[in-house]
Amino acid sequence: MTLSIAPESPLTDAGRALVAGSQRALLDVFPPEDIFSFTAEELTTPGTTFLVARKGGAALGCVALVDCGDYAEVKRLYVPAAGRGQGIARALMQALEKTARAMGKNAILLETGDALIAAVALYTALGYTKRGPFGAYPEHPASLFMGKQLA
């Protein structure tokens, strides 16, 4: 079966399940006050693209791209246990970067945490480097800020 990645609404049953799974995974690692994630409703704002990876119709991962003017921000990269080890997160990030380029963005930024070892390894392998806080994010001990130039 071929993996497909396309924009979908985060308010569908599959979208809500992926967002909820992402939140549960974050709460397994961080206390609530250390999490800066978006709800499914917040992912429907203008300028936000919610991508879902599917194989055989099953939703196996998601990521959101938020247009922040001079840059785009990654939110909610998540692959449930059933989809891990298949390159789905990498494929989602590659689709996200293609979307950002099509939007005319030259940079993608993200906030994650050192405790998310697999995510940090993936971002690093894709060329993201550590940087300081951006946007409205405060300097926070649980946060790791990364970015990548696309141009």
N, C-alpha and C. Protein backbone atom coordinates (compact mmCIF):
# COMPACT_ATOMS: atom_id res chain seq x y z
N MET A 1 0.83 -1.19 0.00
CA MET A 1 0.00 0.00 0.00
C MET A 1 0.87 1.25 0.00
N THR A 2 0.43 2.22 -0.73
CA THR A 2 1.16 3.47 -0.87
C THR A 2 0.74 4.46 0.21
N LEU A 3 1.70 5.21 0.71
CA LEU A 3 1.43 6.27 1.67
C LEU A 3 0.98 7.50 0.91
N SER A 4 -0.12 8.10 1.33
CA SER A 4 -0.57 9.36 0.75
C SER A 4 -0.60 10.41 1.85
N ILE A 5 -0.26 11.62 1.49
CA ILE A 5 -0.28 12.74 2.43
C ILE A 5 -1.04 13.88 1.77
N ALA A 6 -2.07 14.37 2.47
CA ALA A 6 -2.89 15.43 1.91
C ALA A 6 -3.46 16.29 3.03
N PRO A 7 -3.82 17.54 2.69
CA PRO A 7 -4.48 18.39 3.68
C PRO A 7 -5.85 17.82 4.04
N GLU A 8 -6.19 17.86 5.31
CA GLU A 8 -7.50 17.44 5.80
C GLU A 8 -7.89 18.37 6.93
N SER A 9 -9.13 18.31 7.34
CA SER A 9 -9.58 19.08 8.49
C SER A 9 -9.18 18.35 9.77
N PRO A 10 -8.64 19.08 10.74
CA PRO A 10 -8.36 18.46 12.03
C PRO A 10 -9.63 18.18 12.83
N LEU A 11 -10.78 18.61 12.31
CA LEU A 11 -12.04 18.42 13.02
C LEU A 11 -12.76 17.14 12.62
N THR A 12 -12.19 16.37 11.69
CA THR A 12 -12.77 15.06 11.36
C THR A 12 -12.47 14.11 12.51
N ASP A 13 -13.12 12.96 12.51
CA ASP A 13 -12.85 11.96 13.55
C ASP A 13 -11.37 11.58 13.55
N ALA A 14 -10.81 11.35 12.36
CA ALA A 14 -9.40 10.96 12.26
C ALA A 14 -8.49 12.09 12.73
N GLY A 15 -8.80 13.32 12.32
CA GLY A 15 -8.00 14.46 12.74
C GLY A 15 -8.02 14.65 14.24
N ARG A 16 -9.20 14.59 14.82
CA ARG A 16 -9.32 14.73 16.28
C ARG A 16 -8.58 13.61 17.01
N ALA A 17 -8.65 12.38 16.47
CA ALA A 17 -7.96 11.25 17.11
C ALA A 17 -6.45 11.46 17.06
N LEU A 18 -5.93 11.96 15.96
CA LEU A 18 -4.49 12.21 15.86
C LEU A 18 -4.05 13.33 16.80
N VAL A 19 -4.82 14.41 16.86
CA VAL A 19 -4.49 15.51 17.77
C VAL A 19 -4.55 15.04 19.22
N ALA A 20 -5.57 14.26 19.57
CA ALA A 20 -5.69 13.74 20.94
C ALA A 20 -4.54 12.79 21.26
N GLY A 21 -4.16 11.95 20.30
CA GLY A 21 -3.03 11.04 20.52
C GLY A 21 -1.74 11.80 20.72
N SER A 22 -1.56 12.87 19.96
CA SER A 22 -0.38 13.72 20.11
C SER A 22 -0.34 14.34 21.50
N GLN A 23 -1.49 14.82 21.96
CA GLN A 23 -1.55 15.44 23.28
C GLN A 23 -1.23 14.42 24.39
N ARG A 24 -1.79 13.22 24.27
CA ARG A 24 -1.50 12.17 25.26
C ARG A 24 -0.02 11.84 25.28
N ALA A 25 0.60 11.76 24.10
CA ALA A 25 2.03 11.46 24.02
C ALA A 25 2.86 12.56 24.68
N LEU A 26 2.47 13.81 24.49
CA LEU A 26 3.19 14.91 25.14
C LEU A 26 3.02 14.87 26.65
N LEU A 27 1.79 14.56 27.10
CA LEU A 27 1.54 14.50 28.54
C LEU A 27 2.25 13.32 29.21
N ASP A 28 2.63 12.32 28.43
CA ASP A 28 3.43 11.21 28.97
C ASP A 28 4.85 11.66 29.30
N VAL A 29 5.28 12.78 28.70
CA VAL A 29 6.66 13.25 28.84
C VAL A 29 6.77 14.55 29.62
N PHE A 30 5.79 15.43 29.43
CA PHE A 30 5.86 16.78 30.01
C PHE A 30 4.64 17.07 30.88
N PRO A 31 4.80 17.91 31.91
CA PRO A 31 3.62 18.40 32.64
C PRO A 31 2.87 19.40 31.74
N PRO A 32 1.58 19.59 31.97
CA PRO A 32 0.78 20.46 31.09
C PRO A 32 1.36 21.86 30.88
N GLU A 33 1.97 22.42 31.92
CA GLU A 33 2.50 23.79 31.79
C GLU A 33 3.72 23.88 30.88
N ASP A 34 4.28 22.74 30.50
CA ASP A 34 5.44 22.72 29.60
C ASP A 34 5.06 22.40 28.16
N ILE A 35 3.76 22.34 27.87
CA ILE A 35 3.29 21.98 26.53
C ILE A 35 2.68 23.20 25.85
N PHE A 36 3.16 23.48 24.64
CA PHE A 36 2.69 24.64 23.87
C PHE A 36 2.05 24.17 22.56
N SER A 37 1.07 23.28 22.66
CA SER A 37 0.45 22.70 21.47
C SER A 37 -0.86 23.40 21.12
N PHE A 38 -1.35 23.13 19.92
CA PHE A 38 -2.61 23.67 19.46
C PHE A 38 -3.70 22.61 19.56
N THR A 39 -4.91 23.03 19.85
CA THR A 39 -6.06 22.13 19.82
C THR A 39 -6.48 21.91 18.36
N ALA A 40 -7.36 20.95 18.15
CA ALA A 40 -7.87 20.72 16.79
C ALA A 40 -8.54 21.99 16.26
N GLU A 41 -9.28 22.69 17.12
CA GLU A 41 -9.94 23.93 16.69
C GLU A 41 -8.92 25.00 16.30
N GLU A 42 -7.84 25.11 17.06
CA GLU A 42 -6.82 26.12 16.74
C GLU A 42 -6.10 25.80 15.43
N LEU A 43 -6.12 24.55 15.03
CA LEU A 43 -5.49 24.15 13.77
C LEU A 43 -6.37 24.43 12.56
N THR A 44 -7.54 25.03 12.76
CA THR A 44 -8.43 25.38 11.64
C THR A 44 -8.33 26.85 11.28
N THR A 45 -7.45 27.60 11.93
CA THR A 45 -7.35 29.03 11.66
C THR A 45 -6.80 29.27 10.25
N PRO A 46 -7.17 30.40 9.64
CA PRO A 46 -6.63 30.72 8.31
C PRO A 46 -5.10 30.71 8.35
N GLY A 47 -4.51 30.18 7.30
CA GLY A 47 -3.06 30.12 7.22
C GLY A 47 -2.47 28.87 7.83
N THR A 48 -3.32 27.96 8.32
CA THR A 48 -2.83 26.71 8.89
C THR A 48 -3.23 25.55 7.98
N THR A 49 -2.25 24.72 7.66
CA THR A 49 -2.47 23.53 6.84
C THR A 49 -2.23 22.31 7.71
N PHE A 50 -3.22 21.44 7.80
CA PHE A 50 -3.14 20.21 8.59
C PHE A 50 -3.01 19.05 7.61
N LEU A 51 -1.85 18.41 7.63
CA LEU A 51 -1.58 17.29 6.72
C LEU A 51 -1.76 15.97 7.44
N VAL A 52 -2.40 15.02 6.77
CA VAL A 52 -2.62 13.68 7.32
C VAL A 52 -2.02 12.66 6.38
N ALA A 53 -1.26 11.72 6.96
CA ALA A 53 -0.69 10.60 6.20
C ALA A 53 -1.64 9.42 6.33
N ARG A 54 -1.93 8.81 5.19
CA ARG A 54 -2.81 7.65 5.17
C ARG A 54 -2.18 6.52 4.36
N LYS A 55 -2.45 5.32 4.82
CA LYS A 55 -2.05 4.13 4.09
C LYS A 55 -3.24 3.18 4.16
N GLY A 56 -3.74 2.76 3.00
CA GLY A 56 -4.91 1.90 2.98
C GLY A 56 -6.11 2.52 3.66
N GLY A 57 -6.21 3.83 3.60
CA GLY A 57 -7.32 4.54 4.22
C GLY A 57 -7.13 4.87 5.69
N ALA A 58 -6.20 4.20 6.36
CA ALA A 58 -5.97 4.44 7.79
C ALA A 58 -5.11 5.68 8.00
N ALA A 59 -5.54 6.55 8.91
CA ALA A 59 -4.77 7.75 9.26
C ALA A 59 -3.61 7.33 10.16
N LEU A 60 -2.36 7.53 9.67
CA LEU A 60 -1.18 7.06 10.40
C LEU A 60 -0.25 8.18 10.85
N GLY A 61 -0.69 9.42 10.74
CA GLY A 61 0.15 10.51 11.22
C GLY A 61 -0.36 11.85 10.75
N CYS A 62 0.15 12.89 11.40
CA CYS A 62 -0.24 14.25 11.04
C CYS A 62 0.88 15.23 11.35
N VAL A 63 0.75 16.39 10.75
CA VAL A 63 1.60 17.54 11.06
C VAL A 63 0.85 18.78 10.58
N ALA A 64 1.08 19.89 11.24
CA ALA A 64 0.46 21.15 10.82
C ALA A 64 1.54 22.17 10.51
N LEU A 65 1.23 23.01 9.55
CA LEU A 65 2.10 24.12 9.15
C LEU A 65 1.30 25.40 9.36
N VAL A 66 1.85 26.31 10.17
CA VAL A 66 1.18 27.56 10.49
C VAL A 66 1.94 28.71 9.82
N ASP A 67 1.24 29.49 9.01
CA ASP A 67 1.83 30.65 8.34
C ASP A 67 1.96 31.76 9.37
N CYS A 68 3.20 32.14 9.66
CA CYS A 68 3.48 33.18 10.66
C CYS A 68 4.06 34.43 10.02
N GLY A 69 3.77 34.66 8.76
CA GLY A 69 4.27 35.85 8.09
C GLY A 69 5.63 35.59 7.46
N ASP A 70 6.69 35.96 8.16
CA ASP A 70 8.05 35.80 7.62
C ASP A 70 8.53 34.36 7.64
N TYR A 71 7.86 33.50 8.36
CA TYR A 71 8.27 32.10 8.48
C TYR A 71 7.03 31.24 8.67
N ALA A 72 7.22 29.94 8.62
CA ALA A 72 6.15 28.99 8.93
C ALA A 72 6.58 28.19 10.15
N GLU A 73 5.60 27.76 10.93
CA GLU A 73 5.90 26.99 12.14
C GLU A 73 5.30 25.59 12.05
N VAL A 74 6.06 24.62 12.51
CA VAL A 74 5.61 23.23 12.60
C VAL A 74 4.85 23.04 13.91
N LYS A 75 3.68 22.40 13.83
CA LYS A 75 2.91 22.03 15.01
C LYS A 75 2.41 20.61 14.83
N ARG A 76 2.30 19.88 15.93
CA ARG A 76 1.60 18.59 16.01
C ARG A 76 2.14 17.49 15.10
N LEU A 77 3.46 17.41 14.93
CA LEU A 77 3.99 16.23 14.22
C LEU A 77 3.74 15.02 15.11
N TYR A 78 3.00 14.05 14.60
CA TYR A 78 2.65 12.89 15.41
C TYR A 78 2.38 11.68 14.53
N VAL A 79 2.95 10.56 14.95
CA VAL A 79 2.68 9.27 14.33
C VAL A 79 2.37 8.30 15.46
N PRO A 80 1.16 7.71 15.48
CA PRO A 80 0.84 6.75 16.53
C PRO A 80 1.71 5.50 16.42
N ALA A 81 1.75 4.73 17.48
CA ALA A 81 2.62 3.54 17.55
C ALA A 81 2.45 2.64 16.33
N ALA A 82 1.24 2.47 15.83
CA ALA A 82 0.98 1.57 14.69
C ALA A 82 1.69 2.02 13.42
N GLY A 83 2.04 3.30 13.33
CA GLY A 83 2.68 3.81 12.12
C GLY A 83 4.17 4.06 12.24
N ARG A 84 4.71 3.87 13.41
CA ARG A 84 6.14 4.20 13.62
C ARG A 84 7.06 3.20 12.93
N GLY A 85 8.25 3.68 12.60
CA GLY A 85 9.25 2.84 11.97
C GLY A 85 9.05 2.63 10.48
N GLN A 86 8.13 3.41 9.88
CA GLN A 86 7.84 3.26 8.46
C GLN A 86 8.22 4.51 7.65
N GLY A 87 8.87 5.47 8.29
CA GLY A 87 9.27 6.69 7.59
C GLY A 87 8.14 7.69 7.43
N ILE A 88 7.06 7.52 8.17
CA ILE A 88 5.90 8.40 8.02
C ILE A 88 6.20 9.81 8.51
N ALA A 89 6.86 9.95 9.64
CA ALA A 89 7.17 11.29 10.17
C ALA A 89 8.08 12.03 9.19
N ARG A 90 9.05 11.35 8.63
CA ARG A 90 9.95 11.98 7.65
C ARG A 90 9.15 12.42 6.42
N ALA A 91 8.26 11.55 5.94
CA ALA A 91 7.44 11.89 4.77
C ALA A 91 6.53 13.08 5.07
N LEU A 92 5.97 13.12 6.27
CA LEU A 92 5.13 14.26 6.66
C LEU A 92 5.94 15.55 6.67
N MET A 93 7.14 15.51 7.22
CA MET A 93 7.98 16.71 7.26
C MET A 93 8.39 17.14 5.85
N GLN A 94 8.66 16.20 4.98
CA GLN A 94 9.02 16.55 3.60
C GLN A 94 7.83 17.19 2.89
N ALA A 95 6.61 16.67 3.13
CA ALA A 95 5.41 17.27 2.54
C ALA A 95 5.18 18.67 3.12
N LEU A 96 5.43 18.83 4.41
CA LEU A 96 5.29 20.13 5.07
C LEU A 96 6.26 21.14 4.45
N GLU A 97 7.50 20.73 4.23
CA GLU A 97 8.48 21.64 3.63
C GLU A 97 8.07 22.03 2.20
N LYS A 98 7.54 21.07 1.45
CA LYS A 98 7.07 21.36 0.09
C LYS A 98 5.93 22.38 0.15
N THR A 99 5.03 22.21 1.10
CA THR A 99 3.92 23.15 1.29
C THR A 99 4.44 24.53 1.65
N ALA A 100 5.42 24.59 2.54
CA ALA A 100 5.99 25.88 2.94
C ALA A 100 6.65 26.59 1.75
N ARG A 101 7.36 25.83 0.95
CA ARG A 101 8.00 26.43 -0.24
C ARG A 101 6.93 26.97 -1.19
N ALA A 102 5.84 26.21 -1.38
CA ALA A 102 4.75 26.65 -2.26
C ALA A 102 4.09 27.93 -1.73
N MET A 103 4.15 28.13 -0.41
CA MET A 103 3.61 29.34 0.21
C MET A 103 4.60 30.50 0.12
N GLY A 104 5.80 30.24 -0.38
CA GLY A 104 6.82 31.27 -0.50
C GLY A 104 7.62 31.50 0.77
N LYS A 105 7.58 30.54 1.69
CA LYS A 105 8.32 30.68 2.95
C LYS A 105 9.78 30.30 2.74
N ASN A 106 10.66 31.05 3.39
CA ASN A 106 12.09 30.78 3.33
C ASN A 106 12.61 30.08 4.57
N ALA A 107 11.79 30.04 5.63
CA ALA A 107 12.24 29.41 6.88
C ALA A 107 11.08 28.70 7.55
N ILE A 108 11.42 27.59 8.20
CA ILE A 108 10.47 26.86 9.04
C ILE A 108 11.08 26.79 10.43
N LEU A 109 10.28 27.13 11.44
CA LEU A 109 10.72 27.10 12.83
C LEU A 109 9.84 26.14 13.61
N LEU A 110 10.35 25.66 14.73
CA LEU A 110 9.56 24.77 15.57
C LEU A 110 10.03 24.84 17.01
N GLU A 111 9.12 24.46 17.90
CA GLU A 111 9.40 24.33 19.32
C GLU A 111 9.14 22.88 19.67
N THR A 112 10.12 22.24 20.29
CA THR A 112 10.00 20.86 20.73
C THR A 112 10.67 20.76 22.09
N GLY A 113 11.07 19.58 22.48
CA GLY A 113 11.77 19.42 23.76
C GLY A 113 12.85 18.36 23.63
N ASP A 114 13.95 18.54 24.35
CA ASP A 114 15.05 17.57 24.34
C ASP A 114 14.57 16.16 24.70
N ALA A 115 13.51 16.08 25.52
CA ALA A 115 13.01 14.77 25.96
C ALA A 115 12.37 13.99 24.82
N LEU A 116 12.03 14.65 23.73
CA LEU A 116 11.45 13.97 22.56
C LEU A 116 12.58 13.55 21.63
N ILE A 117 13.31 12.55 22.05
CA ILE A 117 14.57 12.15 21.41
C ILE A 117 14.38 11.80 19.93
N ALA A 118 13.37 11.01 19.60
CA ALA A 118 13.16 10.61 18.20
C ALA A 118 12.82 11.82 17.34
N ALA A 119 12.00 12.73 17.85
CA ALA A 119 11.63 13.92 17.09
C ALA A 119 12.85 14.80 16.85
N VAL A 120 13.64 15.04 17.88
CA VAL A 120 14.84 15.87 17.73
C VAL A 120 15.81 15.23 16.74
N ALA A 121 15.95 13.91 16.79
CA ALA A 121 16.83 13.21 15.85
C ALA A 121 16.34 13.38 14.41
N LEU A 122 15.03 13.27 14.22
CA LEU A 122 14.47 13.46 12.88
C LEU A 122 14.70 14.88 12.39
N TYR A 123 14.37 15.86 13.22
CA TYR A 123 14.56 17.26 12.80
C TYR A 123 16.03 17.52 12.46
N THR A 124 16.92 17.02 13.27
CA THR A 124 18.36 17.21 13.01
C THR A 124 18.75 16.56 11.69
N ALA A 125 18.29 15.35 11.46
CA ALA A 125 18.61 14.64 10.21
C ALA A 125 18.06 15.39 8.99
N LEU A 126 16.98 16.12 9.17
CA LEU A 126 16.38 16.88 8.06
C LEU A 126 16.98 18.28 7.91
N GLY A 127 18.00 18.59 8.72
CA GLY A 127 18.70 19.86 8.57
C GLY A 127 18.25 20.98 9.48
N TYR A 128 17.42 20.69 10.46
CA TYR A 128 17.00 21.71 11.43
C TYR A 128 18.11 21.87 12.46
N THR A 129 18.35 23.10 12.86
CA THR A 129 19.40 23.39 13.84
C THR A 129 18.81 24.16 15.02
N LYS A 130 19.49 24.04 16.15
CA LYS A 130 19.04 24.73 17.36
C LYS A 130 19.16 26.24 17.17
N ARG A 131 18.22 26.95 17.80
CA ARG A 131 18.17 28.40 17.73
C ARG A 131 17.48 28.91 18.98
N GLY A 132 17.31 30.19 19.10
CA GLY A 132 16.62 30.76 20.24
C GLY A 132 15.12 30.81 20.03
N PRO A 133 14.40 31.26 21.07
CA PRO A 133 12.94 31.37 20.98
C PRO A 133 12.52 32.30 19.83
N PHE A 134 11.31 32.11 19.36
CA PHE A 134 10.77 32.94 18.28
C PHE A 134 9.30 33.23 18.59
N GLY A 135 8.74 34.18 17.86
CA GLY A 135 7.32 34.52 18.05
C GLY A 135 7.05 34.90 19.49
N ALA A 136 5.98 34.37 20.04
CA ALA A 136 5.58 34.68 21.42
C ALA A 136 6.10 33.67 22.43
N TYR A 137 6.95 32.73 22.00
CA TYR A 137 7.46 31.73 22.93
C TYR A 137 8.42 32.37 23.94
N PRO A 138 8.26 32.02 25.21
CA PRO A 138 9.24 32.48 26.20
C PRO A 138 10.44 31.54 26.22
N GLU A 139 11.53 32.00 26.76
CA GLU A 139 12.65 31.09 27.04
C GLU A 139 12.11 30.14 28.10
N HIS A 140 12.21 28.84 27.88
CA HIS A 140 11.61 27.86 28.79
C HIS A 140 12.54 26.66 28.91
N PRO A 141 12.77 26.16 30.12
CA PRO A 141 13.72 25.05 30.29
C PRO A 141 13.33 23.76 29.58
N ALA A 142 12.04 23.53 29.33
CA ALA A 142 11.61 22.31 28.65
C ALA A 142 11.62 22.46 27.13
N SER A 143 11.79 23.69 26.64
CA SER A 143 11.70 23.94 25.19
C SER A 143 13.05 23.88 24.51
N LEU A 144 13.01 23.32 23.32
CA LEU A 144 14.13 23.34 22.39
C LEU A 144 13.59 23.96 21.12
N PHE A 145 14.22 25.03 20.67
CA PHE A 145 13.78 25.73 19.46
C PHE A 145 14.73 25.36 18.32
N MET A 146 14.14 25.07 17.16
CA MET A 146 14.93 24.68 16.00
C MET A 146 14.38 25.39 14.77
N GLY A 147 15.21 25.47 13.74
CA GLY A 147 14.76 26.09 12.50
C GLY A 147 15.56 25.59 11.33
N LYS A 148 15.01 25.85 10.14
CA LYS A 148 15.66 25.45 8.89
C LYS A 148 15.36 26.50 7.83
N GLN A 149 16.40 26.91 7.12
CA GLN A 149 16.24 27.81 5.97
C GLN A 149 15.89 26.96 4.77
N LEU A 150 14.91 27.38 4.00
CA LEU A 150 14.49 26.64 2.82
C LEU A 150 15.10 27.17 1.54
N ALA A 151 15.48 28.43 1.54
CA ALA A 151 16.00 29.05 0.30
C ALA A 151 17.46 28.71 0.08
